[in-house]
Amino acid sequence: MGKTITIRCKNTGRSHKIPIGYTLEETAELLEINLPHGITSAKVNNKVEGLHFMFFNDKDVEFLDITSPSGMRTYTRSLFFVLYKAVRDLFPQARLRIDTPVSNGYYCTLGNEEKAATEEQIAALKHRMQEIIDANMPFHRVCRPTEEAITRFRTDGLESKAKLLESCGELYTYYYTLGDTADYFYGSLLIRTGQIRLFDLIPYADGLLLRLPDPAHPDRLRPMREQRKMFDVFREQHRWQHILGLSTVGEFNEACAKGHTNDLINVSEALQEKKISRLADRIAGNSDIKVILIAGPSSSGKTTFSKRLAVQLMVCGLHPVPLSLDDYFVNREDTPRLPNGDYDFENVNAMDIPLFNNQINALLRGEEVELPRYNFQTGRSEKSGQRLRLTSSTLLILEGIHALNPELTRDIPNSNKFKIYASALTTILLDDHNYIPTTDNRLLRRIVRDYKYRGYSAQETIRRWPAVREGEECWIFPFQEQADEMVNTALLFELAALRDQALPLLEQVPEHAPEYSEAYRLRKFLGYLRPISLDSLPPTSLLREFLGGSSFRY
């Protein structure tokens, strides 16, 4: 066998001797690793690598498939490249833009703002993609001097990639080729196109929707989810980006390098404030509205948004009163439990729904009520001594995980409710073929906030994140399209603002920790962004909730 090294394989639970210079693909074959849904990539010393990776010294290894988030990202990026090659083969003048995660797929455009992609074009692209997959073409990973890579991408019309690489300052660049087509991705790809087992491409709005397998059920596509309101919010953000004149990280870095950082911050903040002002006007124009319900996932900025909305409502002559849904928890012993016996505080039935509805309806009838106060130390609901009666100008503002769940407000007349869904929907792209997951935006916010205000390390926050996401999928996302208004709390410049706060925290995650792979991925992604000073952020900025320096009290 010649010179060997030792790898410790998590899949087999054993150590193995393998020839030095073996790739991950060759190692999987040698060890007879057979994952039910194929191998997409692997964690090598807790860092995700493509199957092209070669071993030259001892390592720890865990092979992945699409049931893992990292494996699914590898599969998705590879499918993006296949779509790009199909577009380049059939419509070389088109500019593919992988734009928006929506309806459990990815909305893409072909760069023609004057007319929509036709059903014939989409059918032809799907057919060409299947041909590329059936040909089992190899994805080649190549390393070139960055200036050569920039020249190639600029020649191919991929200006957003050229600008991204120009702004990074790296001497050499790794990119991929598929036949005669080149593309750049900030993560690993598959070895061959034949590993792509399932996809679909369908018309959507004036573009196309790329559909992928469901990680929970890899033999079928993720179910379509109607998200027209969400899609409209993304489109609104794109109009704002048009005003600012940029939509990718390379363009953003270029603008900052030219001294336009303050302009980007000021216009982004003003656009968001204008949105909140118009929303307040809409609410004030309907005298029936007495209860404003605000929901959104973790770190979506609901708290600061509700405070800024309250300010704008006061400008309209109204008197907003915040109510904490946390005070309406049931007594601890009545809290639902998870299968493992732990209390399920995320469950809507952890709320005292009858008490909540009775008190809100009493307030709507003009009666005075004594609000409850939940004692988290004793796990009991207590009387607060705080009494409340609504006047003609009073509005109740309730913000929380279950605010849009119809079960929570089942006895409150719909005419008296106004429902708002707030989330951080990242719309800036790394480049035309590399989107930034909205969950990454929120996770970075939470990492910074948890460290500053809750004493949690980045490792702890990353460890908790899957459970947080699971709760969101169950209790928040199913109701988001029922909102009367959706609000995007993300700011175009915010990832650059979070960068220098988040990076030192991510660097503290030790390599031996399971959370290291996610911390490394976030570090690599943040490295593309040019950092900006926080001095220009106004004290009312939504980002201040996470970065500190807010003029609001929390």
Protein backbone atom coordinates (compact mmCIF):
# COMPACT_ATOMS: atom_id res chain seq x y z
CA MET A 1 0.00 0.00 0.00
CA GLY A 2 3.03 2.29 0.37
CA LYS A 3 3.09 5.16 2.84
CA THR A 4 -0.13 5.47 4.80
CA ILE A 5 -1.88 7.81 7.17
CA THR A 6 -4.59 7.22 9.78
CA ILE A 7 -8.08 8.60 9.65
CA ARG A 8 -10.68 8.29 12.36
CA CYS A 9 -14.03 7.81 10.63
CA LYS A 10 -17.17 8.77 12.51
CA ASN A 11 -19.33 6.75 10.09
CA THR A 12 -17.58 3.47 10.92
CA GLY A 13 -16.62 4.35 14.48
CA ARG A 14 -13.06 3.11 13.83
CA SER A 15 -9.60 4.24 12.75
CA HIS A 16 -8.33 3.21 9.31
CA LYS A 17 -5.03 3.22 7.45
CA ILE A 18 -5.30 4.72 3.96
CA PRO A 19 -2.67 5.56 1.31
CA ILE A 20 -1.32 9.08 1.54
CA GLY A 21 -2.73 11.30 -1.24
CA TYR A 22 -6.10 9.53 -1.36
CA THR A 23 -9.13 11.73 -2.02
CA LEU A 24 -12.28 11.66 0.07
CA GLU A 25 -14.00 9.90 -2.82
CA GLU A 26 -11.34 7.16 -2.94
CA THR A 27 -11.43 6.84 0.84
CA ALA A 28 -15.21 6.37 0.87
CA GLU A 29 -14.83 3.57 -1.71
CA LEU A 30 -12.00 1.93 0.26
CA LEU A 31 -14.00 1.99 3.49
CA GLU A 32 -17.20 0.96 1.68
CA ILE A 33 -19.13 3.93 3.06
CA ASN A 34 -22.68 3.60 1.73
CA LEU A 35 -25.03 6.36 2.85
CA PRO A 36 -28.68 5.81 1.85
CA HIS A 37 -28.84 8.96 -0.26
CA GLY A 38 -25.29 9.11 -1.59
CA ILE A 39 -22.27 10.98 -0.29
CA THR A 40 -22.15 14.70 -1.07
CA SER A 41 -19.21 15.90 1.02
CA ALA A 42 -17.47 15.27 4.34
CA LYS A 43 -16.35 16.99 7.50
CA VAL A 44 -12.57 16.77 7.76
CA ASN A 45 -11.45 17.88 11.23
CA ASN A 46 -14.91 19.43 11.53
CA LYS A 47 -14.47 21.49 8.35
CA VAL A 48 -16.68 20.66 5.36
CA GLU A 49 -14.70 19.62 2.27
CA GLY A 50 -15.67 18.41 -1.18
CA LEU A 51 -14.90 14.87 -2.23
CA HIS A 52 -11.95 16.25 -4.24
CA PHE A 53 -10.09 16.78 -0.93
CA MET A 54 -6.81 14.82 -0.61
CA PHE A 55 -5.27 13.40 2.58
CA PHE A 56 -1.63 14.03 3.41
CA ASN A 57 -1.74 13.60 7.20
CA ASP A 58 -3.94 12.09 9.90
CA LYS A 59 -7.51 13.43 10.06
CA ASP A 60 -10.94 12.92 11.58
CA VAL A 61 -13.64 12.33 8.94
CA GLU A 62 -17.42 12.22 8.78
CA PHE A 63 -19.07 11.60 5.40
CA LEU A 64 -22.30 13.54 4.74
CA ASP A 65 -25.38 13.24 2.54
CA ILE A 66 -28.24 15.62 1.77
CA THR A 67 -30.01 14.92 5.05
CA SER A 68 -27.39 17.15 6.73
CA PRO A 69 -27.46 20.95 6.20
CA SER A 70 -23.87 20.96 4.94
CA GLY A 71 -24.50 18.09 2.54
CA MET A 72 -27.62 19.79 1.23
CA ARG A 73 -25.68 22.99 0.57
CA THR A 74 -23.15 21.02 -1.51
CA TYR A 75 -25.98 19.44 -3.53
CA THR A 76 -27.67 22.83 -4.00
CA ARG A 77 -24.55 24.63 -5.20
CA SER A 78 -23.89 21.83 -7.70
CA LEU A 79 -27.42 22.14 -9.04
CA PHE A 80 -26.94 25.91 -9.37
CA PHE A 81 -23.89 25.24 -11.56
CA VAL A 82 -25.83 22.78 -13.72
CA LEU A 83 -28.55 25.41 -14.21
CA TYR A 84 -25.96 28.03 -15.12
CA LYS A 85 -24.33 25.72 -17.68
CA ALA A 86 -27.74 24.96 -19.20
CA VAL A 87 -28.44 28.70 -19.50
CA ARG A 88 -25.03 29.34 -21.01
CA ASP A 89 -25.46 26.47 -23.49
CA LEU A 90 -28.95 27.50 -24.65
CA PHE A 91 -29.18 31.24 -24.04
CA PRO A 92 -25.62 32.59 -23.90
CA GLN A 93 -26.80 36.22 -23.86
CA ALA A 94 -28.94 35.69 -20.73
CA ARG A 95 -27.74 36.69 -17.26
CA LEU A 96 -28.76 34.02 -14.78
CA ARG A 97 -29.44 35.37 -11.32
CA ILE A 98 -30.17 32.96 -8.48
CA ASP A 99 -32.11 35.41 -6.48
CA THR A 100 -34.61 34.56 -3.77
CA PRO A 101 -35.32 31.52 -1.57
CA VAL A 102 -39.10 31.31 -1.72
CA SER A 103 -41.86 28.67 -1.85
CA ASN A 104 -39.34 26.02 -0.75
CA GLY A 105 -37.25 26.61 -3.85
CA TYR A 106 -35.03 29.27 -5.42
CA TYR A 107 -36.44 31.98 -7.63
CA CYS A 108 -34.18 32.71 -10.59
CA THR A 109 -34.26 35.22 -13.42
CA LEU A 110 -32.65 35.33 -16.85
CA GLY A 111 -31.84 39.02 -16.77
CA ASN A 112 -34.60 40.25 -19.06
CA GLU A 113 -36.66 42.84 -17.16
CA GLU A 114 -38.87 43.56 -20.16
CA LYS A 115 -40.44 40.11 -20.52
CA ALA A 116 -40.89 37.00 -18.46
CA ALA A 117 -39.14 33.72 -19.10
CA THR A 118 -41.40 31.60 -21.30
CA GLU A 119 -42.63 28.09 -20.55
CA GLU A 120 -40.76 26.91 -23.65
CA GLN A 121 -37.48 28.39 -22.38
CA ILE A 122 -37.94 26.83 -18.96
CA ALA A 123 -38.81 23.42 -20.44
CA ALA A 124 -35.72 23.60 -22.67
CA LEU A 125 -33.53 24.50 -19.68
CA LYS A 126 -34.91 21.63 -17.62
CA HIS A 127 -34.27 19.22 -20.48
CA ARG A 128 -30.71 20.49 -20.94
CA MET A 129 -30.06 20.20 -17.18
CA GLN A 130 -31.18 16.58 -17.27
CA GLU A 131 -28.86 15.92 -20.22
CA ILE A 132 -25.93 17.36 -18.25
CA ILE A 133 -26.85 15.22 -15.24
CA ASP A 134 -27.27 12.07 -17.34
CA ALA A 135 -23.85 12.67 -18.92
CA ASN A 136 -22.33 12.36 -15.42
CA MET A 137 -19.93 15.21 -16.16
CA PRO A 138 -17.16 15.88 -13.64
CA PHE A 139 -16.95 19.08 -11.60
CA HIS A 140 -13.27 20.05 -11.75
CA ARG A 141 -11.79 22.21 -8.99
CA VAL A 142 -8.98 24.39 -10.27
CA CYS A 143 -6.64 26.91 -8.68
CA ARG A 144 -5.47 29.97 -10.65
CA PRO A 145 -3.95 33.37 -9.89
CA THR A 146 -6.82 35.62 -8.94
CA GLU A 147 -6.17 38.07 -11.76
CA GLU A 148 -6.57 35.18 -14.27
CA ALA A 149 -9.83 34.12 -12.63
CA ILE A 150 -11.11 37.72 -12.74
CA THR A 151 -10.24 37.98 -16.43
CA ARG A 152 -12.01 34.73 -17.22
CA PHE A 153 -15.19 35.64 -15.35
CA ARG A 154 -15.26 39.14 -16.84
CA THR A 155 -14.83 37.65 -20.33
CA ASP A 156 -17.73 35.29 -19.62
CA GLY A 157 -19.94 38.21 -18.59
CA LEU A 158 -19.88 37.33 -14.88
CA GLU A 159 -19.13 40.85 -13.69
CA SER A 160 -20.52 40.26 -10.18
CA LYS A 161 -17.97 37.46 -9.63
CA ALA A 162 -15.13 39.56 -11.01
CA LYS A 163 -15.98 42.41 -8.61
CA LEU A 164 -16.27 40.02 -5.67
CA LEU A 165 -12.82 38.54 -6.33
CA GLU A 166 -11.31 42.00 -6.92
CA SER A 167 -12.54 43.14 -3.51
CA CYS A 168 -11.23 40.09 -1.62
CA GLY A 169 -7.52 40.65 -2.22
CA GLU A 170 -6.57 36.97 -2.47
CA LEU A 171 -3.50 36.02 -4.49
CA TYR A 172 -4.97 32.74 -5.76
CA THR A 173 -8.56 31.64 -6.33
CA TYR A 174 -10.19 28.22 -6.45
CA TYR A 175 -13.10 27.86 -8.85
CA TYR A 176 -14.91 25.05 -10.67
CA THR A 177 -15.35 24.04 -14.28
CA LEU A 178 -18.06 21.93 -15.86
CA GLY A 179 -17.07 21.14 -19.41
CA ASP A 180 -16.08 24.48 -20.94
CA THR A 181 -18.06 26.49 -18.35
CA ALA A 182 -16.45 28.08 -15.28
CA ASP A 183 -18.12 29.26 -12.08
CA TYR A 184 -17.14 30.31 -8.57
CA PHE A 185 -18.78 29.14 -5.34
CA TYR A 186 -17.80 29.78 -1.75
CA GLY A 187 -18.31 26.14 -0.79
CA SER A 188 -17.69 22.66 -2.11
CA LEU A 189 -19.46 20.96 -5.04
CA LEU A 190 -20.16 17.34 -5.86
CA ILE A 191 -17.71 15.20 -7.83
CA ARG A 192 -20.01 14.52 -10.81
CA THR A 193 -23.34 15.74 -12.12
CA GLY A 194 -24.76 12.21 -11.95
CA GLN A 195 -24.91 12.56 -8.17
CA ILE A 196 -27.84 14.95 -8.65
CA ARG A 197 -30.76 12.60 -8.34
CA LEU A 198 -33.77 14.91 -8.09
CA PHE A 199 -34.75 18.46 -9.07
CA ASP A 200 -37.42 20.40 -10.91
CA LEU A 201 -37.62 23.67 -12.80
CA ILE A 202 -40.98 25.41 -13.15
CA PRO A 203 -42.30 28.86 -14.12
CA TYR A 204 -42.64 31.28 -11.20
CA ALA A 205 -43.73 34.92 -11.49
CA ASP A 206 -41.67 36.31 -14.40
CA GLY A 207 -38.81 33.88 -13.82
CA LEU A 208 -38.33 30.29 -12.79
CA LEU A 209 -38.32 28.30 -9.57
CA LEU A 210 -35.58 25.72 -9.00
CA ARG A 211 -36.88 22.97 -6.74
CA LEU A 212 -34.73 20.61 -4.65
CA PRO A 213 -35.15 17.41 -2.63
CA ASP A 214 -36.62 17.57 0.85
CA PRO A 215 -33.78 16.80 3.31
CA ALA A 216 -36.30 15.07 5.59
CA HIS A 217 -37.55 12.92 2.70
CA PRO A 218 -34.75 12.91 0.09
CA ASP A 219 -36.67 10.80 -2.40
CA ARG A 220 -39.19 13.56 -3.01
CA LEU A 221 -39.08 17.30 -3.66
CA ARG A 222 -39.68 19.82 -0.92
CA PRO A 223 -43.42 20.59 -0.91
CA MET A 224 -44.41 23.82 -2.61
CA ARG A 225 -45.37 26.51 -0.10
CA GLU A 226 -47.44 29.48 -1.20
CA GLN A 227 -45.40 32.57 -0.27
CA ARG A 228 -46.66 35.37 -2.49
CA LYS A 229 -46.48 37.96 0.31
CA MET A 230 -42.93 36.92 1.12
CA PHE A 231 -42.04 37.14 -2.56
CA ASP A 232 -43.51 40.66 -2.74
CA VAL A 233 -41.29 41.73 0.18
CA PHE A 234 -38.21 40.47 -1.66
CA ARG A 235 -39.29 42.39 -4.75
CA GLU A 236 -39.72 45.55 -2.69
CA GLN A 237 -36.17 45.09 -1.43
CA HIS A 238 -34.93 44.74 -4.99
CA ARG A 239 -36.53 48.08 -5.83
CA TRP A 240 -34.69 49.59 -2.89
CA GLN A 241 -31.44 48.07 -4.12
CA HIS A 242 -32.09 49.64 -7.51
CA ILE A 243 -32.36 53.01 -5.73
CA LEU A 244 -29.02 52.36 -4.04
CA GLY A 245 -27.48 51.05 -7.26
CA LEU A 246 -26.09 47.77 -5.95
CA SER A 247 -27.22 44.22 -5.22
CA THR A 248 -24.09 42.10 -4.67
CA VAL A 249 -21.26 42.07 -2.14
CA GLY A 250 -18.70 42.95 -4.80
CA GLU A 251 -20.67 46.07 -5.72
CA PHE A 252 -21.11 46.90 -2.03
CA ASN A 253 -17.38 46.57 -1.32
CA GLU A 254 -16.62 48.73 -4.35
CA ALA A 255 -19.03 51.45 -3.19
CA CYS A 256 -17.49 51.46 0.30
CA ALA A 257 -13.98 51.66 -1.15
CA LYS A 258 -15.09 54.77 -3.06
CA GLY A 259 -16.27 56.46 0.15
CA HIS A 260 -20.03 55.92 -0.16
CA THR A 261 -20.53 53.98 3.10
CA ASN A 262 -22.43 56.75 4.91
CA ASP A 263 -24.72 57.24 1.92
CA LEU A 264 -25.56 53.52 1.90
CA ILE A 265 -26.32 53.56 5.62
CA ASN A 266 -28.41 56.73 5.51
CA VAL A 267 -30.50 55.74 2.50
CA SER A 268 -31.04 52.18 3.78
CA GLU A 269 -32.18 53.46 7.18
CA ALA A 270 -34.42 56.08 5.57
CA LEU A 271 -36.09 53.53 3.31
CA GLN A 272 -36.82 51.29 6.29
CA GLU A 273 -38.18 54.19 8.33
CA LYS A 274 -40.40 55.25 5.44
CA LYS A 275 -41.82 51.72 5.33
CA ILE A 276 -42.62 51.84 9.05
CA SER A 277 -44.15 55.31 8.72
CA ARG A 278 -46.45 54.22 5.91
CA LEU A 279 -47.45 51.16 7.92
CA ALA A 280 -48.37 53.39 10.88
CA ASP A 281 -50.45 55.58 8.56
CA ARG A 282 -52.29 52.50 7.31
CA ILE A 283 -53.09 51.37 10.85
CA ALA A 284 -54.11 54.85 11.99
CA GLY A 285 -56.50 55.09 9.04
CA ASN A 286 -58.59 52.18 10.33
CA SER A 287 -60.34 53.01 13.61
CA ASP A 288 -61.43 49.38 14.09
CA ILE A 289 -57.83 48.25 14.66
CA LYS A 290 -57.12 47.98 18.37
CA VAL A 291 -54.66 45.07 18.60
CA ILE A 292 -51.40 44.94 16.64
CA LEU A 293 -49.85 41.47 16.56
CA ILE A 294 -46.17 41.20 15.62
CA ALA A 295 -44.49 37.83 15.04
CA GLY A 296 -41.25 36.71 13.50
CA PRO A 297 -38.41 34.24 13.94
CA SER A 298 -35.51 34.56 16.35
CA SER A 299 -33.32 37.65 15.95
CA SER A 300 -35.64 39.17 13.37
CA GLY A 301 -35.60 42.49 15.24
CA LYS A 302 -39.24 42.32 16.33
CA THR A 303 -38.59 44.26 19.53
CA THR A 304 -36.93 47.29 17.93
CA PHE A 305 -39.39 47.21 15.05
CA SER A 306 -42.33 47.33 17.49
CA LYS A 307 -40.73 50.28 19.31
CA ARG A 308 -40.17 52.20 16.07
CA LEU A 309 -43.71 51.44 14.96
CA ALA A 310 -44.97 52.74 18.31
CA VAL A 311 -43.11 56.02 17.74
CA GLN A 312 -44.71 56.43 14.31
CA LEU A 313 -48.16 55.61 15.73
CA MET A 314 -47.68 58.35 18.33
CA VAL A 315 -46.86 60.73 15.49
CA CYS A 316 -50.29 59.78 14.12
CA GLY A 317 -51.90 60.84 17.42
CA LEU A 318 -52.40 57.35 18.82
CA HIS A 319 -51.36 55.88 22.16
CA PRO A 320 -49.69 52.48 21.68
CA VAL A 321 -49.42 50.28 24.77
CA PRO A 322 -47.10 47.24 24.69
CA LEU A 323 -48.29 43.98 26.25
CA SER A 324 -45.88 41.14 26.94
CA LEU A 325 -47.11 37.74 25.81
CA ASP A 326 -44.58 36.25 28.24
CA ASP A 327 -46.92 37.25 31.07
CA TYR A 328 -49.60 34.92 29.72
CA PHE A 329 -47.76 31.62 30.23
CA VAL A 330 -49.67 28.87 32.03
CA ASN A 331 -48.39 27.66 35.37
CA ARG A 332 -45.28 25.53 35.01
CA GLU A 333 -46.99 22.23 35.85
CA ASP A 334 -49.57 22.87 33.08
CA THR A 335 -46.94 23.45 30.39
CA PRO A 336 -46.92 20.90 27.51
CA ARG A 337 -43.98 18.53 27.43
CA LEU A 338 -41.70 17.32 24.66
CA PRO A 339 -41.30 13.59 23.93
CA ASN A 340 -38.17 13.55 26.11
CA GLY A 341 -40.13 14.94 29.07
CA ASP A 342 -38.76 18.50 28.95
CA TYR A 343 -41.17 21.42 29.08
CA ASP A 344 -42.16 22.68 25.61
CA PHE A 345 -42.18 26.44 26.16
CA GLU A 346 -42.38 27.01 22.39
CA ASN A 347 -45.80 25.33 22.18
CA VAL A 348 -48.77 27.70 21.75
CA ASN A 349 -50.53 25.75 24.50
CA ALA A 350 -47.87 26.94 26.92
CA MET A 351 -49.88 30.18 26.75
CA ASP A 352 -53.00 30.76 28.86
CA ILE A 353 -55.15 31.28 25.77
CA PRO A 354 -58.53 31.63 27.57
CA LEU A 355 -57.15 34.27 29.96
CA PHE A 356 -55.53 36.18 27.12
CA ASN A 357 -58.69 36.23 24.98
CA ASN A 358 -60.93 37.11 27.92
CA GLN A 359 -58.76 40.07 28.91
CA ILE A 360 -58.33 41.42 25.37
CA ASN A 361 -62.07 41.21 24.68
CA ALA A 362 -62.82 42.88 28.01
CA LEU A 363 -60.48 45.71 27.03
CA LEU A 364 -62.18 46.00 23.63
CA ARG A 365 -65.53 46.34 25.45
CA GLY A 366 -64.12 49.29 27.38
CA GLU A 367 -63.66 47.42 30.65
CA GLU A 368 -60.72 47.75 32.99
CA VAL A 369 -58.56 44.66 33.60
CA GLU A 370 -55.67 43.80 35.90
CA LEU A 371 -52.84 42.45 33.80
CA PRO A 372 -51.05 39.27 34.87
CA ARG A 373 -47.34 38.99 35.59
CA TYR A 374 -45.53 35.71 35.12
CA ASN A 375 -42.99 34.81 37.77
CA PHE A 376 -40.36 32.82 35.91
CA GLN A 377 -38.60 31.85 39.13
CA THR A 378 -41.66 30.17 40.64
CA GLY A 379 -43.29 29.22 37.34
CA ARG A 380 -46.58 30.77 38.42
CA SER A 381 -48.91 33.43 37.03
CA GLU A 382 -49.46 36.28 39.48
CA LYS A 383 -51.51 39.48 39.64
CA SER A 384 -49.39 42.47 38.72
CA GLY A 385 -51.40 45.28 40.28
CA GLN A 386 -51.21 47.04 36.89
CA ARG A 387 -54.63 47.97 35.61
CA LEU A 388 -55.47 48.97 32.03
CA ARG A 389 -58.44 50.48 30.23
CA LEU A 390 -58.45 51.39 26.52
CA THR A 391 -59.39 54.82 25.25
CA SER A 392 -60.42 55.74 21.71
CA SER A 393 -56.76 56.40 20.83
CA THR A 394 -55.22 53.36 22.56
CA LEU A 395 -53.66 50.52 20.58
CA LEU A 396 -52.32 47.31 22.07
CA ILE A 397 -49.02 46.08 20.63
CA LEU A 398 -48.27 42.41 21.22
CA GLU A 399 -45.00 40.94 20.00
CA GLY A 400 -44.03 37.30 20.27
CA ILE A 401 -43.50 33.92 18.67
CA HIS A 402 -47.23 33.03 18.57
CA ALA A 403 -48.65 36.44 17.69
CA LEU A 404 -49.88 35.30 14.26
CA ASN A 405 -51.12 31.90 15.38
CA PRO A 406 -54.94 32.09 15.05
CA GLU A 407 -55.28 29.80 18.07
CA LEU A 408 -53.84 32.49 20.34
CA THR A 409 -56.42 35.14 19.36
CA ARG A 410 -59.26 32.79 18.42
CA ASP A 411 -61.97 34.77 20.27
CA ILE A 412 -60.84 38.25 19.23
CA PRO A 413 -62.71 39.75 16.24
CA ASN A 414 -60.58 39.86 13.09
CA SER A 415 -61.67 43.43 12.42
CA ASN A 416 -59.89 44.54 15.60
CA LYS A 417 -56.59 42.83 14.74
CA PHE A 418 -53.70 43.88 12.51
CA LYS A 419 -51.09 41.18 11.97
CA ILE A 420 -47.46 41.90 11.07
CA TYR A 421 -44.75 39.40 10.18
CA ALA A 422 -41.21 40.71 10.64
CA SER A 423 -38.09 38.90 9.49
CA ALA A 424 -34.55 39.62 8.34
CA LEU A 425 -34.76 38.71 4.66
CA THR A 426 -31.28 39.10 3.23
CA THR A 427 -31.47 40.32 -0.35
CA ILE A 428 -27.86 41.20 -1.14
CA LEU A 429 -26.03 38.38 -2.96
CA LEU A 430 -22.38 37.40 -2.85
CA ASP A 431 -22.64 37.31 -6.64
CA ASP A 432 -25.28 36.31 -9.17
CA HIS A 433 -24.94 32.59 -8.36
CA ASN A 434 -24.19 32.73 -4.61
CA TYR A 435 -27.13 33.77 -2.46
CA ILE A 436 -26.81 34.49 1.28
CA PRO A 437 -29.23 32.41 3.39
CA THR A 438 -31.57 34.58 5.47
CA THR A 439 -30.95 32.23 8.39
CA ASP A 440 -27.24 33.16 8.33
CA ASN A 441 -28.18 36.80 8.80
CA ARG A 442 -30.29 36.02 11.85
CA LEU A 443 -27.75 33.59 13.30
CA LEU A 444 -25.01 36.22 13.12
CA ARG A 445 -27.28 38.74 14.82
CA ARG A 446 -28.01 36.24 17.57
CA ILE A 447 -24.35 35.29 18.05
CA VAL A 448 -23.43 38.93 18.64
CA ARG A 449 -26.44 39.66 20.87
CA ASP A 450 -26.11 36.47 22.93
CA TYR A 451 -22.50 37.28 23.70
CA LYS A 452 -23.12 40.94 24.55
CA TYR A 453 -26.28 40.61 26.62
CA ARG A 454 -26.74 36.96 27.65
CA GLY A 455 -23.21 35.73 28.24
CA TYR A 456 -23.40 32.93 25.66
CA SER A 457 -20.46 31.98 23.48
CA ALA A 458 -20.78 31.59 19.72
CA GLN A 459 -20.37 27.86 20.22
CA GLU A 460 -23.38 27.76 22.58
CA THR A 461 -25.52 29.85 20.23
CA ILE A 462 -24.65 27.65 17.24
CA ARG A 463 -25.41 24.53 19.30
CA ARG A 464 -28.88 25.83 20.18
CA TRP A 465 -29.68 27.09 16.69
CA PRO A 466 -31.11 23.84 15.21
CA ALA A 467 -33.65 23.62 18.06
CA VAL A 468 -34.56 27.27 17.53
CA ARG A 469 -35.07 26.64 13.82
CA GLU A 470 -37.19 23.57 14.54
CA GLY A 471 -39.48 25.68 16.74
CA GLU A 472 -39.76 28.31 14.00
CA GLU A 473 -40.74 25.71 11.42
CA CYS A 474 -43.48 24.48 13.73
CA TRP A 475 -44.86 27.65 15.31
CA ILE A 476 -43.97 30.66 13.14
CA PHE A 477 -43.45 29.93 9.45
CA PRO A 478 -46.83 28.17 8.89
CA PHE A 479 -48.64 31.42 9.73
CA GLN A 480 -46.45 34.04 8.04
CA GLU A 481 -48.60 34.35 4.91
CA GLN A 482 -51.62 35.18 7.11
CA ALA A 483 -50.05 38.53 8.02
CA ASP A 484 -51.71 41.74 6.89
CA GLU A 485 -48.24 43.17 6.32
CA MET A 486 -44.75 41.73 5.99
CA VAL A 487 -41.74 43.77 6.98
CA ASN A 488 -38.11 43.10 6.14
CA THR A 489 -35.90 44.15 9.02
CA ALA A 490 -32.62 43.38 7.21
CA LEU A 491 -30.46 46.28 6.10
CA LEU A 492 -28.30 46.21 3.00
CA PHE A 493 -25.13 47.07 4.92
CA GLU A 494 -25.73 45.04 8.08
CA LEU A 495 -23.54 42.01 7.37
CA ALA A 496 -20.59 44.37 6.95
CA ALA A 497 -21.55 46.02 10.25
CA LEU A 498 -21.80 42.66 12.03
CA ARG A 499 -18.54 41.36 10.54
CA ASP A 500 -15.98 42.65 13.02
CA GLN A 501 -18.28 41.93 15.97
CA ALA A 502 -18.96 38.34 14.91
CA LEU A 503 -15.57 37.20 13.60
CA PRO A 504 -13.69 37.21 16.95
CA LEU A 505 -16.54 35.25 18.55
CA LEU A 506 -16.56 32.66 15.76
CA GLU A 507 -12.78 32.29 15.99
CA GLN A 508 -13.17 31.18 19.61
CA VAL A 509 -15.05 28.01 18.61
CA PRO A 510 -12.47 25.20 19.04
CA GLU A 511 -11.68 22.90 16.14
CA HIS A 512 -12.64 19.78 18.11
CA ALA A 513 -16.18 21.09 18.71
CA PRO A 514 -19.05 19.88 16.48
CA GLU A 515 -20.02 23.53 16.03
CA TYR A 516 -16.68 24.34 14.41
CA SER A 517 -17.83 23.52 10.87
CA GLU A 518 -20.63 26.07 11.06
CA ALA A 519 -18.40 28.67 12.69
CA TYR A 520 -15.77 28.14 9.98
CA ARG A 521 -18.38 28.47 7.21
CA LEU A 522 -19.66 31.75 8.67
CA ARG A 523 -16.11 33.06 9.07
CA LYS A 524 -15.32 32.29 5.45
CA PHE A 525 -18.49 33.99 4.28
CA LEU A 526 -17.87 37.12 6.40
CA GLY A 527 -14.38 37.34 4.96
CA TYR A 528 -15.86 38.47 1.64
CA LEU A 529 -17.30 41.62 3.20
CA ARG A 530 -15.52 44.92 3.65
CA PRO A 531 -16.08 45.94 7.30
CA ILE A 532 -17.73 49.27 8.03
CA SER A 533 -17.59 51.53 11.07
CA LEU A 534 -20.58 51.51 13.41
CA ASP A 535 -20.24 55.21 14.17
CA SER A 536 -22.63 56.21 11.39
CA LEU A 537 -25.47 53.95 12.56
CA PRO A 538 -28.28 56.03 14.08
CA PRO A 539 -29.23 55.19 17.70
CA THR A 540 -32.67 54.07 16.52
CA SER A 541 -31.23 51.62 13.96
CA LEU A 542 -32.70 48.17 14.21
CA LEU A 543 -29.15 46.81 14.26
CA ARG A 544 -28.51 48.56 17.57
CA GLU A 545 -30.66 45.90 19.24
CA PHE A 546 -27.82 43.48 18.53
CA LEU A 547 -24.74 45.70 18.38
CA GLY A 548 -25.53 48.00 21.30
CA GLY A 549 -25.84 51.78 21.48
CA SER A 550 -29.61 51.93 20.97
CA SER A 551 -31.65 54.85 22.26
CA PHE A 552 -34.49 52.41 23.01
CA ARG A 553 -34.75 50.60 26.34
CA TYR A 554 -35.09 46.82 26.21
